[in-house]
Amino acid sequence: MRNSQEEALQGLIGDLRQRAAEAEETLAAIRNGGVGSAMVEEGGKDEVLAIGDDALAFESFLEAMEPGAVAVDSTGRVLFSNARFRQMFSEDGDRLKGRNISDILPEPASQLIGKLITPDGHKAVPVSFLERGVERSYLVSARPVHLGAVRGFAVTLSDLTERVRAEAAERAERIANTVTASTNEAVIVCDRTLTITHANLAAEALSTEKLVGTRLDEAIPLKFPDATGIIEIDELIESALSGTPLRGIEALAPISPGPRDVMISAAPLNISDDGPEGCVLTLADLSQRKKDERQMHMLMRELDHRVKNTLALVLSISKRTAANEETLEGFQGAFSGRIEALAATHDLLANASWESLSLRQIFSAEVSPYAETGGDRFNIIGADLNLNPRAAIALGLIFHELATNATKHGALSGEAGSINLEIHPKTDAPFVEVTWAEKDGPTVKSFSRKGFGHTVIARSLSYSPHGGTTLEFEPTGVICRIRIPASDVV
């Protein structure tokens, strides 16, 4: 315990000796004229104390300071200012002396200075204002000062412009990097020599090479098919650097391991007022759009093909129906029925996006105008089949003709007749058989007349060697054996 007290006492004595030595050095400097002012603490606040009644030493001290500095009295009137302060406001010392500092400083610094030159004022406040047309940033501070018998303040304006600009540039760089990294589109920044300086992950996917530090035209070779080989990437960069942004230019990246169809936009990179320092390019992936366009073109060609086939079929139905009907009324009825049958199948296909239709759907659509398909007059046996559009249209026409004949002459012409539709299972045969069998109708010997309806039934599936129909006129009713090509069964 005693040793600890002795050590503390020795430390205090050493501290006092150090302070005494510093005081002796200060007094010696004052006697020799080497110190014109000193910083003292009064009431818990730092103050500058000028040594000498004329305050010339303190004025010399301010003049030698790098920041802009000015001494003001307690009311804010300028006593003297240093060269940097006079340069800031393009004024000489005589014209500044006696003016209130709040009238010299521009807004918002003029409002802040009134709060700073008070005993309780803030010691330092950042502020920005225009200096000869250029915005600059300063740290304004004020400290109480004794100038002989005069009490006032020493105000300094430390230039923070370059520091603020550097921090802003660093912040902008971080924001730009964050935005670039988070976007799904490829973003590349290159300088005026086409050397890549920045690239995000989406851009890296366009090349097998490391992008940063590589020339753009070497890292990601691009072709412009719509420009007949005239446009090159360096011309796009040059145009962007001249101040002309470019948008929506389609290009092909033939050796890209990622997307190959891209849409390029280029804009100048303006960091300062000295003109563009480089170019920012975005390369949007067009793969899905190109795929959709190819799909659309394919569908348009398919639609064109189907429309032509349908029109040819309608024309054939019109001519054949006219050739087999003796009256206008007969033609109108037969032709309208066949066109409605064709339209019913087309409606089903349109709702199914022209992919496939079930056999049961086709049967119900074609026979429902003649009888309730959910009643006892129709019996469907066997598992359903899905058919492609070609077979669906042909089968729809066959069912229509069979139902029309059954209504006029067969099982549907009376109250007791019925129809069985048997769907045979698919085997290794090149076709799947479906049987239409009528029963309990009038005795049938043959079609009353082998007109166009008979032709429709016989030929509708003959587009394939494995498709076709066989009609049997049994006394109990018509039997139609329908062979659907296996290649049309989905």
Protein backbone atom coordinates (compact mmCIF):
# COMPACT_ATOMS: atom_id res chain seq x y z
CA MET A 1 0.00 0.00 0.00
CA ARG A 2 2.82 2.38 0.95
CA ASN A 3 4.66 1.62 -2.29
CA SER A 4 1.56 2.52 -4.36
CA GLN A 5 1.23 5.89 -2.61
CA GLU A 6 4.89 6.66 -3.17
CA GLU A 7 4.59 5.79 -6.88
CA ALA A 8 1.53 8.07 -7.28
CA LEU A 9 3.35 10.89 -5.53
CA GLN A 10 6.41 10.53 -7.73
CA GLY A 11 4.17 10.60 -10.84
CA LEU A 12 2.50 13.83 -9.68
CA ILE A 13 5.87 15.45 -8.97
CA GLY A 14 7.08 14.46 -12.47
CA ASP A 15 3.95 15.95 -14.07
CA LEU A 16 4.41 19.22 -12.18
CA ARG A 17 8.02 19.41 -13.24
CA GLN A 18 7.03 18.89 -16.89
CA ARG A 19 4.44 21.66 -16.70
CA ALA A 20 6.92 24.00 -15.04
CA ALA A 21 9.42 23.35 -17.82
CA GLU A 22 6.79 24.08 -20.48
CA ALA A 23 5.83 27.31 -18.70
CA GLU A 24 9.49 28.39 -18.57
CA GLU A 25 9.81 27.72 -22.32
CA THR A 26 6.66 29.74 -23.07
CA LEU A 27 7.83 32.69 -20.95
CA ALA A 28 11.23 32.62 -22.62
CA ALA A 29 9.57 32.64 -26.05
CA ILE A 30 7.39 35.58 -25.05
CA ARG A 31 10.42 37.52 -23.77
CA ASN A 32 12.25 36.85 -27.04
CA GLY A 33 9.18 37.81 -29.21
CA GLY A 34 8.71 34.30 -30.54
CA VAL A 35 5.06 33.97 -29.45
CA GLY A 36 2.37 36.46 -30.35
CA SER A 37 -0.60 34.52 -28.99
CA ALA A 38 -1.42 31.55 -26.82
CA MET A 39 -4.40 29.20 -26.29
CA VAL A 40 -5.79 29.30 -22.76
CA GLU A 41 -8.79 27.70 -21.06
CA GLU A 42 -11.31 29.92 -19.36
CA GLY A 43 -14.61 28.71 -17.95
CA GLY A 44 -14.16 25.32 -19.60
CA LYS A 45 -13.74 26.89 -23.12
CA ASP A 46 -10.61 27.35 -25.22
CA GLU A 47 -9.75 30.99 -25.95
CA VAL A 48 -7.00 32.65 -27.96
CA LEU A 49 -5.10 35.28 -25.96
CA ALA A 50 -3.17 37.85 -27.97
CA ILE A 51 0.15 38.92 -26.38
CA GLY A 52 0.84 42.61 -26.77
CA ASP A 53 -1.42 45.61 -26.84
CA ASP A 54 -1.29 46.27 -30.62
CA ALA A 55 -2.30 42.64 -31.53
CA LEU A 56 0.14 42.70 -34.46
CA ALA A 57 1.49 39.34 -33.44
CA PHE A 58 -1.97 37.79 -33.55
CA GLU A 59 -2.67 39.39 -36.93
CA SER A 60 0.54 37.87 -38.24
CA PHE A 61 -0.52 34.56 -36.77
CA LEU A 62 -3.86 34.65 -38.68
CA GLU A 63 -2.13 35.77 -41.89
CA ALA A 64 0.08 32.70 -41.82
CA MET A 65 -2.89 30.29 -41.46
CA GLU A 66 -3.84 28.14 -44.45
CA PRO A 67 -7.66 28.26 -43.88
CA GLY A 68 -9.53 31.48 -44.44
CA ALA A 69 -9.47 33.35 -41.12
CA VAL A 70 -10.91 36.59 -39.79
CA ALA A 71 -10.95 38.32 -36.40
CA VAL A 72 -14.22 39.99 -35.40
CA ASP A 73 -15.34 41.89 -32.33
CA SER A 74 -18.21 40.80 -30.12
CA THR A 75 -20.76 42.34 -32.54
CA GLY A 76 -19.34 40.54 -35.56
CA ARG A 77 -17.51 43.51 -37.14
CA VAL A 78 -14.32 42.55 -38.98
CA LEU A 79 -11.11 43.69 -37.30
CA PHE A 80 -8.73 42.08 -39.79
CA SER A 81 -8.64 39.07 -42.17
CA ASN A 82 -5.98 36.90 -43.74
CA ALA A 83 -5.13 36.56 -47.43
CA ARG A 84 -7.13 33.34 -47.97
CA PHE A 85 -10.28 34.94 -46.55
CA ARG A 86 -9.84 38.00 -48.79
CA GLN A 87 -9.26 35.74 -51.79
CA MET A 88 -12.45 33.80 -51.09
CA PHE A 89 -14.57 36.94 -51.42
CA SER A 90 -12.37 38.91 -53.84
CA GLU A 91 -12.05 41.80 -51.41
CA ASP A 92 -9.08 43.72 -49.96
CA GLY A 93 -8.53 44.08 -46.25
CA ASP A 94 -9.51 47.76 -46.00
CA ARG A 95 -12.88 47.19 -47.62
CA LEU A 96 -13.62 44.24 -45.35
CA LYS A 97 -12.59 45.98 -42.12
CA GLY A 98 -15.54 47.29 -40.16
CA ARG A 99 -18.16 45.31 -42.08
CA ASN A 100 -20.27 42.74 -40.29
CA ILE A 101 -19.15 39.22 -41.12
CA SER A 102 -22.75 38.07 -41.61
CA ASP A 103 -22.99 40.57 -44.51
CA ILE A 104 -19.86 39.16 -46.13
CA LEU A 105 -20.60 35.47 -45.94
CA PRO A 106 -23.24 34.13 -48.39
CA GLU A 107 -26.21 32.06 -47.34
CA PRO A 108 -26.45 29.78 -45.42
CA ALA A 109 -23.12 30.60 -43.75
CA SER A 110 -24.31 34.13 -42.89
CA GLN A 111 -27.13 32.69 -40.74
CA LEU A 112 -24.82 30.24 -38.98
CA ILE A 113 -22.17 32.77 -38.07
CA GLY A 114 -24.52 34.63 -35.74
CA LYS A 115 -24.92 31.45 -33.71
CA LEU A 116 -21.21 30.72 -33.70
CA ILE A 117 -19.93 34.08 -32.40
CA THR A 118 -21.62 33.75 -29.04
CA PRO A 119 -20.18 32.43 -25.78
CA ASP A 120 -22.37 29.30 -26.11
CA GLY A 121 -21.98 28.94 -29.86
CA HIS A 122 -21.05 25.71 -31.64
CA LYS A 123 -17.37 25.29 -32.28
CA ALA A 124 -17.57 23.96 -35.85
CA VAL A 125 -20.32 23.70 -38.45
CA PRO A 126 -20.04 22.37 -42.06
CA VAL A 127 -21.51 24.63 -44.74
CA SER A 128 -21.47 24.94 -48.53
CA PHE A 129 -21.80 28.02 -50.72
CA LEU A 130 -20.79 29.33 -54.14
CA GLU A 131 -17.33 30.79 -54.42
CA ARG A 132 -16.89 32.56 -57.76
CA GLY A 133 -19.56 30.37 -59.30
CA VAL A 134 -18.23 27.05 -57.95
CA GLU A 135 -19.80 25.32 -54.98
CA ARG A 136 -17.28 24.71 -52.22
CA SER A 137 -17.61 23.15 -48.77
CA TYR A 138 -16.12 24.58 -45.56
CA LEU A 139 -15.92 23.80 -41.88
CA VAL A 140 -16.69 27.09 -40.12
CA SER A 141 -15.49 27.46 -36.54
CA ALA A 142 -15.30 30.36 -34.06
CA ARG A 143 -13.28 30.72 -30.85
CA PRO A 144 -13.35 33.57 -28.35
CA VAL A 145 -10.22 35.74 -28.49
CA HIS A 146 -8.73 38.60 -26.40
CA LEU A 147 -7.13 41.29 -28.52
CA GLY A 148 -5.67 43.48 -25.85
CA ALA A 149 -8.69 45.17 -24.30
CA VAL A 150 -11.00 43.92 -27.06
CA ARG A 151 -12.91 40.72 -26.72
CA GLY A 152 -14.01 39.06 -29.95
CA PHE A 153 -13.80 35.88 -31.99
CA ALA A 154 -11.37 34.22 -34.34
CA VAL A 155 -13.41 32.69 -37.22
CA THR A 156 -11.82 30.13 -39.55
CA LEU A 157 -13.17 28.54 -42.74
CA SER A 158 -11.34 25.28 -43.46
CA ASP A 159 -11.78 24.12 -47.07
CA LEU A 160 -13.36 20.63 -47.16
CA THR A 161 -14.28 20.71 -50.85
CA GLU A 162 -11.91 18.03 -52.10
CA ARG A 163 -12.66 15.80 -49.13
CA VAL A 164 -16.42 16.19 -49.66
CA ARG A 165 -16.05 15.52 -53.37
CA ALA A 166 -13.93 12.45 -52.71
CA GLU A 167 -16.48 11.12 -50.21
CA ALA A 168 -19.32 11.84 -52.66
CA ALA A 169 -17.43 10.09 -55.45
CA GLU A 170 -16.75 7.11 -53.19
CA ARG A 171 -20.40 6.98 -52.15
CA ALA A 172 -21.54 7.26 -55.77
CA GLU A 173 -19.13 4.46 -56.68
CA ARG A 174 -20.59 2.23 -53.96
CA ILE A 175 -24.14 3.00 -55.06
CA ALA A 176 -23.27 2.40 -58.71
CA ASN A 177 -21.60 -0.91 -57.87
CA THR A 178 -24.60 -1.97 -55.78
CA VAL A 179 -27.07 -1.07 -58.53
CA THR A 180 -24.93 -2.72 -61.19
CA ALA A 181 -24.54 -5.89 -59.16
CA SER A 182 -28.24 -6.17 -58.34
CA THR A 183 -29.61 -5.73 -61.86
CA ASN A 184 -30.45 -8.80 -63.93
CA GLU A 185 -29.22 -7.18 -67.13
CA ALA A 186 -25.57 -7.25 -68.14
CA VAL A 187 -23.91 -3.90 -67.39
CA ILE A 188 -20.45 -3.01 -68.68
CA VAL A 189 -18.46 0.20 -68.18
CA CYS A 190 -15.56 0.88 -70.51
CA ASP A 191 -13.20 3.82 -70.94
CA ARG A 192 -12.52 5.79 -74.10
CA THR A 193 -10.15 3.07 -75.36
CA LEU A 194 -12.91 0.39 -75.08
CA THR A 195 -11.11 -1.18 -72.09
CA ILE A 196 -13.63 -2.61 -69.62
CA THR A 197 -13.36 -1.05 -66.16
CA HIS A 198 -16.49 -2.50 -64.50
CA ALA A 199 -18.75 -5.47 -65.23
CA ASN A 200 -21.45 -7.21 -63.20
CA LEU A 201 -22.11 -10.95 -62.91
CA ALA A 202 -24.68 -10.93 -65.72
CA ALA A 203 -22.02 -9.44 -68.01
CA GLU A 204 -19.44 -12.02 -66.94
CA ALA A 205 -21.83 -14.72 -68.18
CA LEU A 206 -21.42 -13.39 -71.74
CA SER A 207 -17.75 -14.30 -71.96
CA THR A 208 -15.32 -17.01 -70.99
CA GLU A 209 -12.66 -14.34 -70.39
CA LYS A 210 -12.19 -12.06 -67.39
CA LEU A 211 -13.82 -8.83 -68.54
CA VAL A 212 -12.19 -6.10 -66.43
CA GLY A 213 -9.00 -4.93 -68.12
CA THR A 214 -9.92 -6.48 -71.48
CA ARG A 215 -11.08 -4.63 -74.58
CA LEU A 216 -14.83 -4.95 -75.11
CA ASP A 217 -14.57 -6.01 -78.75
CA GLU A 218 -12.16 -8.81 -77.79
CA ALA A 219 -13.97 -10.04 -74.66
CA ILE A 220 -17.46 -10.11 -76.20
CA PRO A 221 -17.38 -10.05 -80.02
CA LEU A 222 -20.71 -8.72 -81.28
CA LYS A 223 -22.40 -8.82 -84.66
CA PHE A 224 -25.28 -6.67 -85.82
CA PRO A 225 -27.32 -8.71 -88.33
CA ASP A 226 -29.80 -5.92 -89.05
CA ALA A 227 -27.00 -3.51 -90.00
CA THR A 228 -25.75 -5.63 -92.94
CA GLY A 229 -22.29 -5.81 -91.39
CA ILE A 230 -21.68 -2.05 -91.43
CA ILE A 231 -21.97 -1.23 -87.71
CA GLU A 232 -19.18 -2.19 -85.31
CA ILE A 233 -19.16 -1.91 -81.52
CA ASP A 234 -16.45 0.78 -81.53
CA GLU A 235 -18.72 2.98 -83.62
CA LEU A 236 -21.48 2.65 -81.04
CA ILE A 237 -19.06 3.60 -78.27
CA GLU A 238 -17.80 6.57 -80.27
CA SER A 239 -21.36 7.74 -80.82
CA ALA A 240 -22.13 7.46 -77.09
CA LEU A 241 -18.93 9.34 -76.20
CA SER A 242 -19.97 12.15 -78.51
CA GLY A 243 -23.06 12.62 -76.35
CA THR A 244 -25.59 10.61 -78.37
CA PRO A 245 -27.11 7.77 -76.29
CA LEU A 246 -28.20 4.70 -78.25
CA ARG A 247 -31.06 2.41 -77.27
CA GLY A 248 -32.57 -0.84 -78.42
CA ILE A 249 -29.94 -2.08 -80.91
CA GLU A 250 -30.18 -5.82 -81.45
CA ALA A 251 -26.92 -7.73 -81.62
CA LEU A 252 -25.66 -11.29 -81.70
CA ALA A 253 -22.90 -12.60 -79.43
CA PRO A 254 -21.97 -15.70 -81.46
CA ILE A 255 -19.41 -17.18 -79.04
CA SER A 256 -21.12 -16.24 -75.80
CA PRO A 257 -21.51 -19.13 -73.34
CA GLY A 258 -24.67 -17.41 -72.07
CA PRO A 259 -27.32 -15.42 -73.94
CA ARG A 260 -26.48 -14.87 -77.60
CA ASP A 261 -29.31 -12.58 -78.64
CA VAL A 262 -28.95 -9.25 -76.82
CA MET A 263 -30.31 -5.72 -77.04
CA ILE A 264 -27.66 -3.05 -76.51
CA SER A 265 -28.06 0.42 -75.05
CA ALA A 266 -25.08 2.76 -74.71
CA ALA A 267 -24.78 6.06 -72.85
CA PRO A 268 -21.86 8.37 -72.05
CA LEU A 269 -20.27 8.14 -68.59
CA ASN A 270 -20.21 11.70 -67.27
CA ILE A 271 -18.30 12.03 -64.00
CA SER A 272 -17.10 15.63 -64.29
CA ASP A 273 -17.68 18.68 -66.46
CA ASP A 274 -14.73 17.78 -68.68
CA GLY A 275 -16.80 15.53 -70.96
CA PRO A 276 -17.53 11.78 -71.01
CA GLU A 277 -14.82 9.62 -69.50
CA GLY A 278 -16.21 6.40 -70.86
CA CYS A 279 -19.37 4.56 -71.80
CA VAL A 280 -22.00 2.54 -69.94
CA LEU A 281 -23.52 -0.36 -71.88
CA THR A 282 -26.45 -2.54 -70.94
CA LEU A 283 -26.99 -5.80 -72.78
CA ALA A 284 -30.51 -7.16 -72.24
CA ASP A 285 -31.08 -10.86 -72.82
CA LEU A 286 -33.39 -11.36 -75.81
CA SER A 287 -33.34 -15.16 -75.73
CA GLN A 288 -36.91 -15.52 -74.48
CA ARG A 289 -38.19 -12.82 -76.81
CA LYS A 290 -36.50 -14.45 -79.80
CA LYS A 291 -37.93 -17.79 -78.76
CA ASP A 292 -41.39 -16.23 -78.49
CA GLU A 293 -40.95 -14.59 -81.90
CA ARG A 294 -39.98 -17.91 -83.48
CA GLN A 295 -42.97 -19.54 -81.82
CA MET A 296 -45.22 -16.75 -83.07
CA HIS A 297 -43.89 -17.06 -86.62
CA MET A 298 -44.39 -20.80 -86.49
CA LEU A 299 -47.95 -20.34 -85.25
CA MET A 300 -48.61 -17.76 -87.96
CA ARG A 301 -47.40 -20.18 -90.61
CA GLU A 302 -49.47 -22.94 -89.04
CA LEU A 303 -52.50 -20.68 -88.92
CA ASP A 304 -51.99 -19.70 -92.54
CA HIS A 305 -51.73 -23.36 -93.48
CA ARG A 306 -54.86 -24.28 -91.52
CA VAL A 307 -56.88 -21.38 -92.89
CA LYS A 308 -55.98 -22.35 -96.44
CA ASN A 309 -56.86 -25.98 -95.76
CA THR A 310 -60.13 -25.01 -94.10
CA LEU A 311 -61.10 -22.71 -96.97
CA ALA A 312 -60.27 -25.46 -99.45
CA LEU A 313 -62.37 -27.90 -97.42
CA VAL A 314 -65.30 -25.45 -97.26
CA LEU A 315 -65.07 -24.87 -101.02
CA SER A 316 -65.03 -28.62 -101.65
CA ILE A 317 -68.00 -29.16 -99.31
CA SER A 318 -69.88 -26.38 -101.10
CA LYS A 319 -69.28 -27.79 -104.57
CA ARG A 320 -69.95 -31.41 -103.62
CA THR A 321 -73.07 -30.53 -101.66
CA ALA A 322 -74.40 -28.46 -104.57
CA ALA A 323 -73.72 -31.32 -106.98
CA ASN A 324 -75.70 -33.77 -104.87
CA GLU A 325 -78.71 -31.64 -103.89
CA GLU A 326 -81.60 -31.02 -106.23
CA THR A 327 -83.10 -27.97 -104.53
CA LEU A 328 -81.78 -24.74 -103.05
CA GLU A 329 -83.41 -25.56 -99.73
CA GLY A 330 -81.72 -28.96 -99.70
CA PHE A 331 -78.36 -27.40 -100.47
CA GLN A 332 -78.76 -24.78 -97.75
CA GLY A 333 -79.67 -27.36 -95.13
CA ALA A 334 -76.93 -29.85 -96.01
CA PHE A 335 -74.24 -27.22 -96.52
CA SER A 336 -75.07 -25.35 -93.30
CA GLY A 337 -75.05 -28.57 -91.29
CA ARG A 338 -71.62 -29.56 -92.58
CA ILE A 339 -70.15 -26.11 -91.99
CA GLU A 340 -71.61 -26.08 -88.45
CA ALA A 341 -70.05 -29.49 -87.83
CA LEU A 342 -66.71 -28.18 -89.05
CA ALA A 343 -67.08 -25.06 -86.87
CA ALA A 344 -67.92 -27.13 -83.78
CA THR A 345 -64.68 -29.06 -84.04
CA HIS A 346 -62.74 -25.86 -84.72
CA ASP A 347 -64.22 -24.27 -81.58
CA LEU A 348 -63.08 -27.21 -79.49
CA LEU A 349 -59.60 -27.05 -81.01
CA ALA A 350 -59.36 -23.29 -80.44
CA ASN A 351 -60.23 -23.78 -76.75
CA ALA A 352 -57.55 -26.47 -76.57
CA SER A 353 -54.94 -24.21 -78.26
CA TRP A 354 -54.99 -26.53 -81.28
CA GLU A 355 -53.11 -29.21 -79.40
CA SER A 356 -55.43 -32.22 -79.10
CA LEU A 357 -59.05 -33.22 -78.52
CA SER A 358 -60.59 -36.23 -76.84
CA LEU A 359 -62.73 -38.51 -78.98
CA ARG A 360 -65.62 -38.21 -76.52
CA GLN A 361 -65.55 -34.39 -76.88
CA ILE A 362 -65.78 -34.64 -80.66
CA PHE A 363 -68.62 -37.20 -80.49
CA SER A 364 -70.66 -35.11 -78.06
CA ALA A 365 -70.21 -31.90 -80.10
CA GLU A 366 -71.37 -33.52 -83.35
CA VAL A 367 -74.33 -35.63 -82.17
CA SER A 368 -75.74 -33.28 -79.50
CA PRO A 369 -77.79 -31.28 -82.07
CA TYR A 370 -79.76 -34.48 -82.78
CA ALA A 371 -80.22 -36.10 -79.35
CA GLU A 372 -79.24 -35.77 -75.70
CA THR A 373 -75.84 -37.40 -75.40
CA GLY A 374 -76.24 -38.07 -71.70
CA GLY A 375 -79.39 -40.18 -72.17
CA ASP A 376 -79.99 -43.81 -73.00
CA ARG A 377 -79.72 -43.38 -76.76
CA PHE A 378 -75.90 -43.19 -76.74
CA ASN A 379 -73.57 -45.68 -75.12
CA ILE A 380 -69.80 -45.10 -75.28
CA ILE A 381 -67.66 -48.14 -74.51
CA GLY A 382 -63.89 -48.10 -73.96
CA ALA A 383 -61.15 -45.75 -72.85
CA ASP A 384 -61.08 -42.27 -74.36
CA LEU A 385 -58.52 -41.23 -76.98
CA ASN A 386 -56.77 -37.91 -77.54
CA LEU A 387 -56.43 -37.00 -81.21
CA ASN A 388 -54.34 -34.39 -82.97
CA PRO A 389 -56.16 -31.62 -84.94
CA ARG A 390 -56.02 -33.33 -88.32
CA ALA A 391 -57.75 -36.48 -87.09
CA ALA A 392 -60.17 -34.48 -84.91
CA ILE A 393 -61.51 -32.49 -87.88
CA ALA A 394 -61.90 -35.61 -90.04
CA LEU A 395 -63.64 -37.55 -87.26
CA GLY A 396 -65.96 -34.60 -86.57
CA LEU A 397 -67.16 -34.62 -90.19
CA ILE A 398 -67.66 -38.42 -90.11
CA PHE A 399 -69.71 -38.28 -86.88
CA HIS A 400 -71.80 -35.45 -88.35
CA GLU A 401 -72.66 -37.43 -91.48
CA LEU A 402 -73.43 -40.60 -89.49
CA ALA A 403 -75.63 -38.66 -87.04
CA THR A 404 -77.42 -36.87 -89.90
CA ASN A 405 -78.15 -40.18 -91.67
CA ALA A 406 -79.22 -41.83 -88.38
CA THR A 407 -81.66 -38.96 -87.80
CA LYS A 408 -83.16 -39.20 -91.29
CA HIS A 409 -83.11 -42.95 -91.89
CA GLY A 410 -81.56 -44.82 -88.96
CA ALA A 411 -81.64 -45.35 -85.23
CA LEU A 412 -82.35 -41.71 -84.35
CA SER A 413 -85.35 -41.45 -86.67
CA GLY A 414 -87.59 -43.25 -84.14
CA GLU A 415 -88.06 -43.21 -80.39
CA ALA A 416 -86.49 -46.59 -79.54
CA GLY A 417 -83.24 -46.57 -81.50
CA SER A 418 -79.84 -46.12 -79.92
CA ILE A 419 -76.18 -45.95 -80.91
CA ASN A 420 -73.19 -47.73 -79.38
CA LEU A 421 -69.76 -46.19 -79.87
CA GLU A 422 -67.04 -48.66 -79.01
CA ILE A 423 -63.48 -47.38 -78.69
CA HIS A 424 -61.10 -50.32 -79.12
CA PRO A 425 -57.84 -50.28 -77.17
CA LYS A 426 -54.66 -49.19 -78.86
CA THR A 427 -52.44 -52.08 -80.00
CA ASP A 428 -49.33 -52.48 -82.13
CA ALA A 429 -51.48 -52.05 -85.24
CA PRO A 430 -50.89 -48.88 -87.31
CA PHE A 431 -54.42 -47.72 -86.50
CA VAL A 432 -56.95 -47.61 -83.66
CA GLU A 433 -60.48 -48.80 -84.47
CA VAL A 434 -63.68 -47.12 -83.36
CA THR A 435 -67.05 -48.75 -84.13
CA TRP A 436 -70.33 -46.87 -84.63
CA ALA A 437 -73.20 -49.37 -84.31
CA GLU A 438 -76.91 -48.51 -84.57
CA LYS A 439 -79.65 -50.75 -83.17
CA ASP A 440 -83.41 -50.83 -82.71
CA GLY A 441 -83.98 -48.52 -85.63
CA PRO A 442 -85.82 -49.15 -88.95
CA THR A 443 -84.58 -52.02 -91.06
CA VAL A 444 -81.67 -50.78 -93.15
CA LYS A 445 -80.75 -52.08 -96.57
CA SER A 446 -78.41 -49.37 -97.75
CA PHE A 447 -78.04 -45.63 -97.84
CA SER A 448 -81.04 -44.26 -99.61
CA ARG A 449 -78.62 -42.68 -102.02
CA LYS A 450 -74.85 -42.64 -102.03
CA GLY A 451 -74.42 -38.92 -102.06
CA PHE A 452 -71.75 -36.60 -100.74
CA GLY A 453 -72.33 -37.74 -97.13
CA HIS A 454 -71.19 -41.22 -98.11
CA THR A 455 -68.10 -39.67 -99.72
CA VAL A 456 -67.29 -37.67 -96.56
CA ILE A 457 -67.47 -40.82 -94.42
CA ALA A 458 -65.40 -42.88 -96.85
CA ARG A 459 -62.65 -40.35 -97.57
CA SER A 460 -62.19 -38.14 -94.50
CA LEU A 461 -59.45 -40.28 -92.94
CA SER A 462 -57.89 -41.40 -96.21
CA TYR A 463 -55.07 -38.82 -95.95
CA SER A 464 -53.13 -41.70 -94.35
CA PRO A 465 -52.80 -45.25 -95.73
CA HIS A 466 -53.70 -46.48 -92.24
CA GLY A 467 -56.89 -44.43 -91.97
CA GLY A 468 -60.35 -44.96 -93.42
CA THR A 469 -63.83 -46.30 -92.79
CA THR A 470 -65.92 -49.35 -93.65
CA LEU A 471 -69.72 -49.10 -93.82
CA GLU A 472 -71.91 -52.16 -93.20
CA PHE A 473 -75.67 -52.01 -93.73
CA GLU A 474 -76.93 -54.68 -91.32
CA PRO A 475 -80.72 -55.14 -90.96
CA THR A 476 -80.43 -54.09 -87.33
CA GLY A 477 -78.71 -50.81 -88.24
CA VAL A 478 -75.72 -49.19 -89.84
CA ILE A 479 -72.28 -50.22 -88.61
CA CYS A 480 -69.32 -47.98 -89.40
CA ARG A 481 -65.84 -49.21 -88.58
CA ILE A 482 -63.50 -46.19 -88.32
CA ARG A 483 -59.74 -46.62 -88.53
CA ILE A 484 -57.81 -43.70 -87.00
CA PRO A 485 -54.07 -43.68 -87.86
CA ALA A 486 -52.06 -44.52 -84.73
CA SER A 487 -49.75 -41.59 -85.52
CA ASP A 488 -52.70 -39.22 -84.89
CA VAL A 489 -53.43 -40.63 -81.43
CA VAL A 490 -51.62 -38.47 -78.89
